[in-house]
């Protein structure tokens, strides 16, 4: 798969990334918001294990959904490298590596959850998102500087990196009432940035210059 994506033209890679983003968004709603968020109890390993044992196939459906998301993360990482290496090959490579490291750690975290170690799952998530947030900021900067993708998308991607700091680590950094109030607000720029980038990559990719032979 890596060689197949690497051999793509930037415009085909953009379409692959855009489609992957949209599919990930749908599976995130199904797997995380509708399934695993009802099973995983933050800070209560015993309750989480009880919910997993009682949920049966529903839990495995959530895990399957997340594995699809993480597989698509690999597609996005490789495709965005092809799209953005013309802007700055070193930063494009860094952005790709950061997202791939995030994906690898998340796979390990979900393995811990399947083995009924919810605390290890949570710690794995916290570590993984350090790499994801760094990826988003580098990606946003690359998009902003690319010259062929709208700067506003780059600005929102960089802003979304700070949004994820609040949504992922806010329960450690902020009082509970502040965190609950800010969570949905903080998710808005992140959701907009990734969906807007997906739509642009799918339908406006003709503006991406093709690689010179």
N, C-alpha and C. Protein backbone atom coordinates (compact mmCIF):
# COMPACT_ATOMS: atom_id res chain seq x y z
N UNK A 1 0.82 -1.20 0.00
CA UNK A 1 0.00 0.00 0.00
C UNK A 1 0.86 1.25 0.00
N UNK A 2 1.95 1.22 0.77
CA UNK A 2 2.84 2.39 0.86
C UNK A 2 3.37 2.76 -0.52
N UNK A 3 3.86 1.76 -1.29
CA UNK A 3 4.40 2.05 -2.61
C UNK A 3 3.31 2.52 -3.56
N UNK A 4 2.11 1.94 -3.44
CA UNK A 4 1.02 2.33 -4.32
C UNK A 4 0.65 3.79 -4.12
N UNK A 5 0.57 4.23 -2.86
CA UNK A 5 0.24 5.63 -2.58
C UNK A 5 1.40 6.54 -2.98
N UNK A 6 2.64 6.11 -2.70
CA UNK A 6 3.80 6.92 -3.03
C UNK A 6 3.91 7.18 -4.53
N UNK A 7 3.41 6.23 -5.33
CA UNK A 7 3.46 6.36 -6.79
C UNK A 7 2.30 7.17 -7.35
N UNK A 8 1.33 7.52 -6.51
CA UNK A 8 0.19 8.32 -6.96
C UNK A 8 0.61 9.72 -7.35
N UNK A 9 -0.17 10.33 -8.22
CA UNK A 9 0.00 11.76 -8.46
C UNK A 9 -0.54 12.51 -7.25
N UNK A 10 -0.09 13.75 -7.02
CA UNK A 10 -0.61 14.51 -5.87
C UNK A 10 -2.12 14.66 -5.87
N UNK A 11 -2.72 14.79 -7.07
CA UNK A 11 -4.17 14.98 -7.11
C UNK A 11 -4.92 13.69 -6.75
N UNK A 12 -4.43 12.56 -7.21
CA UNK A 12 -5.04 11.29 -6.82
C UNK A 12 -4.84 11.03 -5.33
N UNK A 13 -3.66 11.38 -4.82
CA UNK A 13 -3.40 11.23 -3.39
C UNK A 13 -4.34 12.12 -2.58
N UNK A 14 -4.62 13.32 -3.10
CA UNK A 14 -5.54 14.23 -2.41
C UNK A 14 -6.93 13.62 -2.33
N UNK A 15 -7.39 13.01 -3.42
CA UNK A 15 -8.71 12.38 -3.41
C UNK A 15 -8.74 11.21 -2.43
N UNK A 16 -7.65 10.44 -2.38
CA UNK A 16 -7.58 9.32 -1.43
C UNK A 16 -7.65 9.83 0.00
N UNK A 17 -6.91 10.90 0.30
CA UNK A 17 -6.92 11.46 1.66
C UNK A 17 -8.28 12.03 2.00
N UNK A 18 -8.89 12.75 1.07
CA UNK A 18 -10.20 13.35 1.33
C UNK A 18 -11.26 12.30 1.61
N UNK A 19 -11.28 11.24 0.79
CA UNK A 19 -12.25 10.17 0.99
C UNK A 19 -12.00 9.46 2.31
N UNK A 20 -10.74 9.21 2.63
CA UNK A 20 -10.40 8.55 3.89
C UNK A 20 -10.85 9.40 5.08
N UNK A 21 -10.65 10.71 5.02
CA UNK A 21 -11.09 11.61 6.09
C UNK A 21 -12.59 11.47 6.33
N UNK A 22 -13.36 11.48 5.26
CA UNK A 22 -14.83 11.43 5.40
C UNK A 22 -15.30 10.10 5.97
N UNK A 23 -14.69 9.00 5.51
CA UNK A 23 -15.05 7.69 6.04
C UNK A 23 -14.68 7.60 7.52
N UNK A 24 -13.50 8.13 7.88
CA UNK A 24 -13.08 8.14 9.28
C UNK A 24 -14.07 8.90 10.15
N UNK A 25 -14.58 10.02 9.62
CA UNK A 25 -15.52 10.84 10.39
C UNK A 25 -16.78 10.03 10.71
N UNK A 26 -17.29 9.30 9.73
CA UNK A 26 -18.50 8.49 9.94
C UNK A 26 -18.22 7.39 10.96
N UNK A 27 -17.09 6.70 10.82
CA UNK A 27 -16.79 5.61 11.74
C UNK A 27 -16.48 6.13 13.15
N UNK A 28 -15.94 7.34 13.24
CA UNK A 28 -15.69 7.92 14.57
C UNK A 28 -16.99 8.15 15.31
N UNK A 29 -18.01 8.62 14.59
CA UNK A 29 -19.33 8.81 15.21
C UNK A 29 -19.89 7.47 15.68
N UNK A 30 -19.80 6.46 14.80
CA UNK A 30 -20.38 5.16 15.14
C UNK A 30 -19.60 4.47 16.26
N UNK A 31 -18.26 4.39 16.10
CA UNK A 31 -17.45 3.59 17.02
C UNK A 31 -17.22 4.29 18.35
N UNK A 32 -16.97 5.59 18.31
CA UNK A 32 -16.62 6.29 19.55
C UNK A 32 -17.84 6.87 20.24
N UNK A 33 -18.57 7.73 19.55
CA UNK A 33 -19.67 8.45 20.21
C UNK A 33 -20.84 7.53 20.54
N UNK A 34 -21.15 6.60 19.65
CA UNK A 34 -22.35 5.78 19.85
C UNK A 34 -22.07 4.46 20.56
N UNK A 35 -20.81 4.02 20.60
CA UNK A 35 -20.53 2.70 21.20
C UNK A 35 -19.56 2.82 22.37
N UNK A 36 -18.28 3.10 22.09
CA UNK A 36 -17.28 3.00 23.15
C UNK A 36 -17.46 4.04 24.25
N UNK A 37 -17.98 5.21 23.91
CA UNK A 37 -18.20 6.22 24.95
C UNK A 37 -19.22 5.76 25.97
N UNK A 38 -20.09 4.81 25.59
CA UNK A 38 -21.09 4.26 26.51
C UNK A 38 -20.52 3.11 27.35
N UNK A 39 -19.37 2.58 26.91
CA UNK A 39 -18.78 1.42 27.59
C UNK A 39 -17.63 1.82 28.50
N UNK A 40 -16.78 2.73 28.01
CA UNK A 40 -15.60 3.13 28.77
C UNK A 40 -15.98 4.20 29.79
N UNK A 41 -15.70 3.93 31.05
CA UNK A 41 -15.98 4.88 32.13
C UNK A 41 -14.65 5.48 32.57
N UNK A 42 -14.46 6.77 32.29
CA UNK A 42 -13.20 7.43 32.62
C UNK A 42 -12.92 7.34 34.12
N UNK A 43 -11.72 6.88 34.46
CA UNK A 43 -11.29 6.83 35.84
C UNK A 43 -11.86 5.67 36.65
N UNK A 44 -12.59 4.77 36.00
CA UNK A 44 -13.18 3.64 36.72
C UNK A 44 -12.93 2.37 35.91
N UNK A 45 -11.78 1.74 36.16
CA UNK A 45 -11.39 0.54 35.41
C UNK A 45 -12.37 -0.60 35.63
N UNK A 46 -12.82 -0.77 36.88
CA UNK A 46 -13.72 -1.88 37.20
C UNK A 46 -15.04 -1.75 36.45
N UNK A 47 -15.59 -0.54 36.42
CA UNK A 47 -16.86 -0.32 35.70
C UNK A 47 -16.68 -0.55 34.21
N UNK A 48 -15.54 -0.10 33.68
CA UNK A 48 -15.26 -0.30 32.26
C UNK A 48 -15.19 -1.78 31.91
N UNK A 49 -14.47 -2.55 32.74
CA UNK A 49 -14.35 -4.00 32.50
C UNK A 49 -15.72 -4.67 32.58
N UNK A 50 -16.52 -4.27 33.56
CA UNK A 50 -17.87 -4.83 33.67
C UNK A 50 -18.71 -4.52 32.44
N UNK A 51 -18.58 -3.29 31.93
CA UNK A 51 -19.34 -2.90 30.74
C UNK A 51 -18.88 -3.69 29.52
N UNK A 52 -17.56 -3.90 29.41
CA UNK A 52 -17.03 -4.68 28.28
C UNK A 52 -17.57 -6.10 28.33
N UNK A 53 -17.52 -6.70 29.50
CA UNK A 53 -17.98 -8.09 29.65
C UNK A 53 -19.48 -8.22 29.37
N UNK A 54 -20.22 -7.17 29.69
CA UNK A 54 -21.67 -7.22 29.52
C UNK A 54 -22.13 -6.82 28.12
N UNK A 55 -21.26 -6.12 27.37
CA UNK A 55 -21.69 -5.55 26.10
C UNK A 55 -21.64 -6.53 24.94
N UNK A 56 -20.85 -7.59 25.07
CA UNK A 56 -20.78 -8.60 24.02
C UNK A 56 -20.30 -8.06 22.69
N UNK A 57 -21.08 -8.31 21.65
CA UNK A 57 -20.68 -7.96 20.29
C UNK A 57 -20.61 -6.46 20.07
N UNK A 58 -21.31 -5.67 20.88
CA UNK A 58 -21.30 -4.22 20.72
C UNK A 58 -19.88 -3.68 20.93
N UNK A 59 -19.20 -4.18 21.95
CA UNK A 59 -17.83 -3.74 22.21
C UNK A 59 -16.93 -4.07 21.02
N UNK A 60 -17.06 -5.27 20.48
CA UNK A 60 -16.22 -5.67 19.36
C UNK A 60 -16.54 -4.87 18.11
N UNK A 61 -17.78 -4.45 17.97
CA UNK A 61 -18.13 -3.57 16.85
C UNK A 61 -17.41 -2.22 16.97
N UNK A 62 -17.33 -1.71 18.21
CA UNK A 62 -16.60 -0.47 18.43
C UNK A 62 -15.12 -0.61 18.15
N UNK A 63 -14.55 -1.73 18.57
CA UNK A 63 -13.13 -1.98 18.30
C UNK A 63 -12.88 -2.11 16.80
N UNK A 64 -13.76 -2.83 16.11
CA UNK A 64 -13.62 -2.98 14.65
C UNK A 64 -13.71 -1.63 13.96
N UNK A 65 -14.62 -0.77 14.42
CA UNK A 65 -14.74 0.56 13.85
C UNK A 65 -13.46 1.36 14.02
N UNK A 66 -12.86 1.27 15.21
CA UNK A 66 -11.63 2.00 15.46
C UNK A 66 -10.46 1.45 14.66
N UNK A 67 -10.42 0.15 14.44
CA UNK A 67 -9.35 -0.42 13.62
C UNK A 67 -9.46 0.06 12.17
N UNK A 68 -10.68 0.23 11.70
CA UNK A 68 -10.88 0.81 10.36
C UNK A 68 -10.37 2.25 10.33
N UNK A 69 -10.70 3.01 11.38
CA UNK A 69 -10.23 4.40 11.46
C UNK A 69 -8.70 4.46 11.43
N UNK A 70 -8.06 3.59 12.20
CA UNK A 70 -6.60 3.62 12.29
C UNK A 70 -5.95 3.16 10.99
N UNK A 71 -6.59 2.21 10.29
CA UNK A 71 -6.08 1.82 8.97
C UNK A 71 -6.16 3.00 8.00
N UNK A 72 -7.26 3.74 8.07
CA UNK A 72 -7.41 4.92 7.22
C UNK A 72 -6.46 6.03 7.62
N UNK A 73 -6.08 6.08 8.90
CA UNK A 73 -5.07 7.05 9.33
C UNK A 73 -3.75 6.85 8.57
N UNK A 74 -3.42 5.60 8.31
CA UNK A 74 -2.20 5.30 7.54
C UNK A 74 -2.35 5.84 6.12
N UNK A 75 -3.52 5.63 5.52
CA UNK A 75 -3.78 6.15 4.18
C UNK A 75 -3.66 7.67 4.16
N UNK A 76 -4.24 8.33 5.16
CA UNK A 76 -4.18 9.79 5.24
C UNK A 76 -2.74 10.27 5.40
N UNK A 77 -2.00 9.63 6.28
CA UNK A 77 -0.61 10.04 6.52
C UNK A 77 0.22 9.97 5.25
N UNK A 78 0.12 8.85 4.53
CA UNK A 78 0.91 8.67 3.31
C UNK A 78 0.41 9.58 2.19
N UNK A 79 -0.89 9.72 2.07
CA UNK A 79 -1.46 10.55 1.00
C UNK A 79 -1.11 12.03 1.19
N UNK A 80 -1.22 12.51 2.42
CA UNK A 80 -0.90 13.92 2.67
C UNK A 80 0.58 14.20 2.43
N UNK A 81 1.43 13.21 2.66
CA UNK A 81 2.86 13.38 2.34
C UNK A 81 3.03 13.64 0.85
N UNK A 82 2.33 12.85 0.02
CA UNK A 82 2.42 13.04 -1.43
C UNK A 82 1.89 14.41 -1.84
N UNK A 83 0.79 14.84 -1.22
CA UNK A 83 0.17 16.12 -1.55
C UNK A 83 1.07 17.29 -1.16
N UNK A 84 1.76 17.19 -0.02
CA UNK A 84 2.43 18.35 0.56
C UNK A 84 3.95 18.34 0.44
N UNK A 85 4.53 17.28 -0.10
CA UNK A 85 5.99 17.24 -0.17
C UNK A 85 6.55 18.31 -1.11
N UNK A 86 5.71 18.80 -2.03
CA UNK A 86 6.16 19.88 -2.90
C UNK A 86 6.31 21.20 -2.14
N UNK A 87 5.52 21.34 -1.06
CA UNK A 87 5.60 22.56 -0.26
C UNK A 87 6.86 22.57 0.60
N UNK A 88 7.13 21.44 1.27
CA UNK A 88 8.34 21.30 2.08
C UNK A 88 8.49 19.83 2.40
N UNK A 89 9.42 19.17 1.73
CA UNK A 89 9.51 17.71 1.84
C UNK A 89 9.87 17.27 3.26
N UNK A 90 10.70 18.05 3.95
CA UNK A 90 11.10 17.66 5.31
C UNK A 90 9.95 17.76 6.29
N UNK A 91 9.18 18.86 6.21
CA UNK A 91 8.03 18.99 7.10
C UNK A 91 6.92 18.01 6.73
N UNK A 92 6.76 17.73 5.44
CA UNK A 92 5.77 16.73 5.01
C UNK A 92 6.13 15.36 5.57
N UNK A 93 7.41 15.03 5.55
CA UNK A 93 7.86 13.76 6.11
C UNK A 93 7.64 13.73 7.62
N UNK A 94 7.94 14.83 8.30
CA UNK A 94 7.72 14.91 9.75
C UNK A 94 6.24 14.74 10.07
N UNK A 95 5.38 15.42 9.33
CA UNK A 95 3.94 15.31 9.55
C UNK A 95 3.48 13.86 9.38
N UNK A 96 3.97 13.20 8.33
CA UNK A 96 3.60 11.81 8.09
C UNK A 96 4.06 10.90 9.22
N UNK A 97 5.30 11.05 9.65
CA UNK A 97 5.85 10.20 10.71
C UNK A 97 5.08 10.40 12.01
N UNK A 98 4.76 11.64 12.35
CA UNK A 98 4.02 11.91 13.58
C UNK A 98 2.66 11.22 13.57
N UNK A 99 1.97 11.25 12.43
CA UNK A 99 0.65 10.61 12.37
C UNK A 99 0.79 9.08 12.41
N UNK A 100 1.83 8.54 11.79
CA UNK A 100 2.03 7.10 11.82
C UNK A 100 2.39 6.62 13.23
N UNK A 101 3.18 7.40 13.96
CA UNK A 101 3.51 7.04 15.34
C UNK A 101 2.25 7.08 16.20
N UNK A 102 1.45 8.13 16.02
CA UNK A 102 0.15 8.20 16.73
C UNK A 102 -0.67 6.94 16.46
N UNK A 103 -0.75 6.54 15.20
CA UNK A 103 -1.55 5.37 14.82
C UNK A 103 -1.02 4.11 15.49
N UNK A 104 0.29 3.93 15.48
CA UNK A 104 0.89 2.73 16.08
C UNK A 104 0.60 2.65 17.58
N UNK A 105 0.71 3.78 18.26
CA UNK A 105 0.46 3.80 19.71
C UNK A 105 -1.01 3.53 20.00
N UNK A 106 -1.90 4.07 19.15
CA UNK A 106 -3.33 3.83 19.36
C UNK A 106 -3.67 2.35 19.16
N UNK A 107 -3.03 1.70 18.21
CA UNK A 107 -3.26 0.26 18.03
C UNK A 107 -2.88 -0.49 19.30
N UNK A 108 -1.73 -0.14 19.88
CA UNK A 108 -1.29 -0.78 21.13
C UNK A 108 -2.28 -0.48 22.26
N UNK A 109 -2.77 0.76 22.29
CA UNK A 109 -3.73 1.15 23.34
C UNK A 109 -5.01 0.32 23.24
N UNK A 110 -5.51 0.13 22.04
CA UNK A 110 -6.73 -0.66 21.88
C UNK A 110 -6.48 -2.13 22.18
N UNK A 111 -5.28 -2.61 21.91
CA UNK A 111 -4.93 -3.98 22.31
C UNK A 111 -5.01 -4.12 23.82
N UNK A 112 -4.53 -3.10 24.55
CA UNK A 112 -4.62 -3.11 26.01
C UNK A 112 -6.07 -3.13 26.47
N UNK A 113 -6.94 -2.40 25.76
CA UNK A 113 -8.36 -2.39 26.12
C UNK A 113 -8.98 -3.76 25.90
N UNK A 114 -8.65 -4.39 24.77
CA UNK A 114 -9.17 -5.73 24.48
C UNK A 114 -8.73 -6.73 25.54
N UNK A 115 -7.50 -6.55 26.06
CA UNK A 115 -6.98 -7.45 27.09
C UNK A 115 -7.44 -7.05 28.49
N UNK A 116 -8.39 -6.11 28.53
CA UNK A 116 -9.02 -5.66 29.79
C UNK A 116 -8.04 -4.92 30.70
N UNK A 117 -7.24 -4.03 30.09
CA UNK A 117 -6.39 -3.12 30.84
C UNK A 117 -6.80 -1.69 30.49
N UNK A 118 -7.97 -1.23 30.97
CA UNK A 118 -8.46 0.10 30.57
C UNK A 118 -7.55 1.25 31.00
N UNK A 119 -6.85 1.10 32.12
CA UNK A 119 -5.94 2.17 32.54
C UNK A 119 -4.79 2.32 31.55
N UNK A 120 -4.23 1.19 31.08
CA UNK A 120 -3.18 1.25 30.07
C UNK A 120 -3.70 1.84 28.76
N UNK A 121 -4.95 1.51 28.45
CA UNK A 121 -5.58 2.10 27.27
C UNK A 121 -5.61 3.61 27.38
N UNK A 122 -6.02 4.12 28.52
CA UNK A 122 -6.10 5.57 28.72
C UNK A 122 -4.73 6.22 28.62
N UNK A 123 -3.72 5.62 29.26
CA UNK A 123 -2.37 6.19 29.19
C UNK A 123 -1.84 6.16 27.75
N UNK A 124 -2.16 5.07 27.04
CA UNK A 124 -1.74 4.98 25.64
C UNK A 124 -2.36 6.08 24.80
N UNK A 125 -3.64 6.34 25.03
CA UNK A 125 -4.30 7.43 24.32
C UNK A 125 -3.63 8.78 24.59
N UNK A 126 -3.33 9.03 25.85
CA UNK A 126 -2.72 10.31 26.22
C UNK A 126 -1.36 10.49 25.55
N UNK A 127 -0.60 9.43 25.45
CA UNK A 127 0.70 9.50 24.77
C UNK A 127 0.49 9.67 23.27
N UNK A 128 -0.44 8.90 22.70
CA UNK A 128 -0.67 8.95 21.25
C UNK A 128 -1.06 10.35 20.80
N UNK A 129 -1.89 11.02 21.59
CA UNK A 129 -2.38 12.33 21.16
C UNK A 129 -1.31 13.41 21.21
N UNK A 130 -0.24 13.18 21.92
CA UNK A 130 0.90 14.11 21.84
C UNK A 130 1.41 14.16 20.40
N UNK A 131 1.52 13.00 19.78
CA UNK A 131 2.00 12.92 18.41
C UNK A 131 0.95 13.42 17.42
N UNK A 132 -0.33 13.14 17.70
CA UNK A 132 -1.39 13.59 16.79
C UNK A 132 -1.50 15.11 16.80
N UNK A 133 -1.45 15.71 17.98
CA UNK A 133 -1.53 17.16 18.09
C UNK A 133 -0.34 17.81 17.40
N UNK A 134 0.84 17.25 17.58
CA UNK A 134 2.04 17.77 16.90
C UNK A 134 1.87 17.65 15.39
N UNK A 135 1.33 16.51 14.93
CA UNK A 135 1.06 16.31 13.51
C UNK A 135 0.13 17.40 12.97
N UNK A 136 -0.96 17.68 13.70
CA UNK A 136 -1.92 18.67 13.23
C UNK A 136 -1.29 20.04 13.09
N UNK A 137 -0.43 20.42 14.03
CA UNK A 137 0.19 21.74 13.96
C UNK A 137 1.14 21.82 12.77
N UNK A 138 1.95 20.78 12.58
CA UNK A 138 2.87 20.76 11.44
C UNK A 138 2.08 20.75 10.13
N UNK A 139 1.02 19.94 10.08
CA UNK A 139 0.18 19.88 8.90
C UNK A 139 -0.44 21.24 8.59
N UNK A 140 -0.95 21.90 9.62
CA UNK A 140 -1.54 23.21 9.43
C UNK A 140 -0.54 24.21 8.90
N UNK A 141 0.66 24.19 9.45
CA UNK A 141 1.70 25.11 8.98
C UNK A 141 2.04 24.82 7.51
N UNK A 142 2.15 23.54 7.17
CA UNK A 142 2.45 23.15 5.79
C UNK A 142 1.35 23.63 4.84
N UNK A 143 0.10 23.39 5.21
CA UNK A 143 -1.02 23.83 4.38
C UNK A 143 -1.00 25.33 4.22
N UNK A 144 -0.75 26.05 5.31
CA UNK A 144 -0.72 27.52 5.28
C UNK A 144 0.36 28.03 4.33
N UNK A 145 1.50 27.36 4.33
CA UNK A 145 2.63 27.81 3.53
C UNK A 145 2.67 27.21 2.12
N UNK A 146 1.77 26.28 1.83
CA UNK A 146 1.87 25.52 0.57
C UNK A 146 1.71 26.40 -0.66
N UNK A 147 0.82 27.38 -0.58
CA UNK A 147 0.58 28.23 -1.74
C UNK A 147 -0.48 27.69 -2.68
N UNK A 148 -0.92 26.45 -2.48
CA UNK A 148 -1.96 25.90 -3.36
C UNK A 148 -3.17 25.38 -2.59
N UNK A 149 -3.10 25.35 -1.28
CA UNK A 149 -4.27 25.04 -0.45
C UNK A 149 -4.62 26.31 0.33
N UNK A 150 -5.91 26.65 0.47
CA UNK A 150 -6.28 27.90 1.14
C UNK A 150 -5.63 28.05 2.52
N UNK A 151 -5.09 29.24 2.75
CA UNK A 151 -4.42 29.51 4.03
C UNK A 151 -5.36 29.35 5.21
N UNK A 152 -6.65 29.64 5.00
CA UNK A 152 -7.60 29.55 6.11
C UNK A 152 -7.68 28.13 6.65
N UNK A 153 -7.52 27.13 5.77
CA UNK A 153 -7.54 25.74 6.24
C UNK A 153 -6.32 25.45 7.10
N UNK A 154 -5.17 25.99 6.70
CA UNK A 154 -3.97 25.82 7.52
C UNK A 154 -4.12 26.46 8.87
N UNK A 155 -4.71 27.66 8.91
CA UNK A 155 -4.91 28.36 10.18
C UNK A 155 -5.84 27.56 11.10
N UNK A 156 -6.91 27.02 10.54
CA UNK A 156 -7.83 26.23 11.36
C UNK A 156 -7.21 24.93 11.83
N UNK A 157 -6.36 24.31 11.00
CA UNK A 157 -5.68 23.09 11.43
C UNK A 157 -4.74 23.37 12.60
N UNK A 158 -4.01 24.49 12.53
CA UNK A 158 -3.13 24.84 13.66
C UNK A 158 -3.96 25.15 14.90
N UNK A 159 -5.09 25.84 14.71
CA UNK A 159 -5.98 26.12 15.84
C UNK A 159 -6.54 24.82 16.42
N UNK A 160 -6.84 23.86 15.55
CA UNK A 160 -7.41 22.61 16.02
C UNK A 160 -6.43 21.83 16.89
N UNK A 161 -5.11 22.05 16.67
CA UNK A 161 -4.12 21.40 17.53
C UNK A 161 -4.33 21.86 18.98
N UNK A 162 -4.58 23.15 19.17
CA UNK A 162 -4.82 23.66 20.52
C UNK A 162 -6.19 23.19 21.04
N UNK A 163 -7.14 23.02 20.13
CA UNK A 163 -8.45 22.49 20.54
C UNK A 163 -8.31 21.10 21.12
N UNK A 164 -7.48 20.27 20.48
CA UNK A 164 -7.28 18.91 20.97
C UNK A 164 -6.57 18.89 22.32
N UNK A 165 -5.73 19.87 22.58
CA UNK A 165 -5.10 19.95 23.90
C UNK A 165 -6.18 20.08 24.98
N UNK A 166 -7.19 20.91 24.69
CA UNK A 166 -8.28 21.11 25.65
C UNK A 166 -9.14 19.85 25.76
N UNK A 167 -9.51 19.25 24.61
CA UNK A 167 -10.43 18.11 24.66
C UNK A 167 -9.78 16.85 25.22
N UNK A 168 -8.49 16.67 24.97
CA UNK A 168 -7.81 15.44 25.42
C UNK A 168 -7.25 15.59 26.82
N UNK A 169 -6.65 16.74 27.11
CA UNK A 169 -5.95 16.91 28.39
C UNK A 169 -6.66 17.89 29.33
N UNK A 170 -7.78 18.44 28.88
CA UNK A 170 -8.46 19.46 29.68
C UNK A 170 -8.94 18.96 31.02
N UNK A 171 -9.30 17.65 31.10
CA UNK A 171 -9.79 17.15 32.39
C UNK A 171 -8.68 17.08 33.43
N UNK A 172 -7.41 17.13 32.97
CA UNK A 172 -6.29 17.20 33.89
C UNK A 172 -5.91 18.66 34.19
N UNK A 173 -6.11 19.54 33.20
CA UNK A 173 -5.60 20.90 33.29
C UNK A 173 -6.62 21.91 33.82
N UNK A 174 -7.92 21.57 33.70
CA UNK A 174 -8.96 22.53 34.02
C UNK A 174 -9.92 21.98 35.07
N UNK A 175 -10.58 22.87 35.82
CA UNK A 175 -11.66 22.41 36.70
C UNK A 175 -12.75 21.74 35.88
N UNK A 176 -13.45 20.78 36.48
CA UNK A 176 -14.42 19.98 35.74
C UNK A 176 -15.48 20.83 35.06
N UNK A 177 -15.97 21.87 35.76
CA UNK A 177 -17.04 22.68 35.16
C UNK A 177 -16.53 23.45 33.95
N UNK A 178 -15.27 23.90 33.98
CA UNK A 178 -14.67 24.58 32.83
C UNK A 178 -14.50 23.61 31.67
N UNK A 179 -13.99 22.41 32.00
CA UNK A 179 -13.76 21.42 30.95
C UNK A 179 -15.05 21.04 30.25
N UNK A 180 -16.11 20.80 31.02
CA UNK A 180 -17.39 20.43 30.43
C UNK A 180 -17.94 21.55 29.55
N UNK A 181 -17.73 22.80 29.97
CA UNK A 181 -18.23 23.94 29.20
C UNK A 181 -17.43 24.16 27.92
N UNK A 182 -16.13 23.89 27.98
CA UNK A 182 -15.26 24.18 26.84
C UNK A 182 -15.15 23.03 25.85
N UNK A 183 -15.53 21.82 26.26
CA UNK A 183 -15.29 20.65 25.41
C UNK A 183 -15.92 20.80 24.03
N UNK A 184 -17.23 21.06 23.99
CA UNK A 184 -17.92 21.16 22.70
C UNK A 184 -17.44 22.36 21.90
N UNK A 185 -17.15 23.47 22.59
CA UNK A 185 -16.66 24.66 21.90
C UNK A 185 -15.31 24.36 21.26
N UNK A 186 -14.44 23.66 22.00
CA UNK A 186 -13.11 23.35 21.50
C UNK A 186 -13.15 22.39 20.32
N UNK A 187 -14.16 21.54 20.26
CA UNK A 187 -14.25 20.57 19.17
C UNK A 187 -14.66 21.20 17.85
N UNK A 188 -15.27 22.39 17.89
CA UNK A 188 -15.77 23.01 16.66
C UNK A 188 -14.67 23.30 15.64
N UNK A 189 -13.58 24.00 16.02
CA UNK A 189 -12.55 24.25 15.01
C UNK A 189 -11.88 22.99 14.51
N UNK A 190 -11.72 22.00 15.39
CA UNK A 190 -11.09 20.74 14.96
C UNK A 190 -11.97 20.02 13.95
N UNK A 191 -13.27 19.95 14.24
CA UNK A 191 -14.19 19.28 13.32
C UNK A 191 -14.27 20.01 11.99
N UNK A 192 -14.39 21.35 12.06
CA UNK A 192 -14.46 22.14 10.83
C UNK A 192 -13.19 21.98 10.01
N UNK A 193 -12.02 22.06 10.65
CA UNK A 193 -10.75 22.01 9.93
C UNK A 193 -10.59 20.71 9.16
N UNK A 194 -10.87 19.58 9.81
CA UNK A 194 -10.65 18.29 9.16
C UNK A 194 -11.70 18.01 8.09
N UNK A 195 -12.96 18.40 8.33
CA UNK A 195 -13.98 18.20 7.32
C UNK A 195 -13.77 19.13 6.12
N UNK A 196 -13.41 20.37 6.39
CA UNK A 196 -13.18 21.32 5.29
C UNK A 196 -11.98 20.89 4.45
N UNK A 197 -10.93 20.40 5.11
CA UNK A 197 -9.78 19.91 4.36
C UNK A 197 -10.18 18.70 3.51
N UNK A 198 -10.99 17.80 4.07
CA UNK A 198 -11.44 16.62 3.32
C UNK A 198 -12.20 17.03 2.07
N UNK A 199 -13.12 17.97 2.21
CA UNK A 199 -13.91 18.42 1.06
C UNK A 199 -13.02 19.08 0.02
N UNK A 200 -12.08 19.91 0.47
CA UNK A 200 -11.18 20.58 -0.48
C UNK A 200 -10.33 19.56 -1.23
N UNK A 201 -9.80 18.58 -0.52
CA UNK A 201 -8.96 17.57 -1.16
C UNK A 201 -9.75 16.76 -2.19
N UNK A 202 -11.03 16.52 -1.90
CA UNK A 202 -11.85 15.75 -2.83
C UNK A 202 -12.26 16.54 -4.06
N UNK A 203 -12.63 17.80 -3.88
CA UNK A 203 -13.29 18.52 -4.96
C UNK A 203 -12.50 19.70 -5.53
N UNK A 204 -11.44 20.12 -4.86
CA UNK A 204 -10.66 21.25 -5.34
C UNK A 204 -9.21 20.87 -5.62
N UNK A 205 -8.95 19.57 -5.75
CA UNK A 205 -7.56 19.12 -5.88
C UNK A 205 -6.90 19.49 -7.19
N UNK A 206 -7.68 19.98 -8.16
CA UNK A 206 -7.08 20.42 -9.44
C UNK A 206 -6.13 21.58 -9.23
N UNK A 207 -6.24 22.27 -8.09
CA UNK A 207 -5.35 23.37 -7.80
C UNK A 207 -3.98 22.91 -7.30
N UNK A 208 -3.84 21.63 -7.02
CA UNK A 208 -2.55 21.09 -6.56
C UNK A 208 -1.65 20.90 -7.76
N UNK A 209 -0.46 21.46 -7.76
CA UNK A 209 0.44 21.25 -8.91
C UNK A 209 0.91 19.81 -8.99
N UNK A 210 0.94 19.27 -10.19
CA UNK A 210 1.47 17.91 -10.38
C UNK A 210 2.98 17.94 -10.30
N UNK A 211 3.55 16.82 -9.86
CA UNK A 211 5.00 16.72 -9.75
C UNK A 211 5.63 16.85 -11.13
N UNK A 212 6.73 17.57 -11.19
CA UNK A 212 7.46 17.70 -12.44
C UNK A 212 8.23 16.41 -12.71
N UNK A 213 8.18 15.97 -13.94
CA UNK A 213 8.87 14.73 -14.30
C UNK A 213 10.35 14.99 -14.47
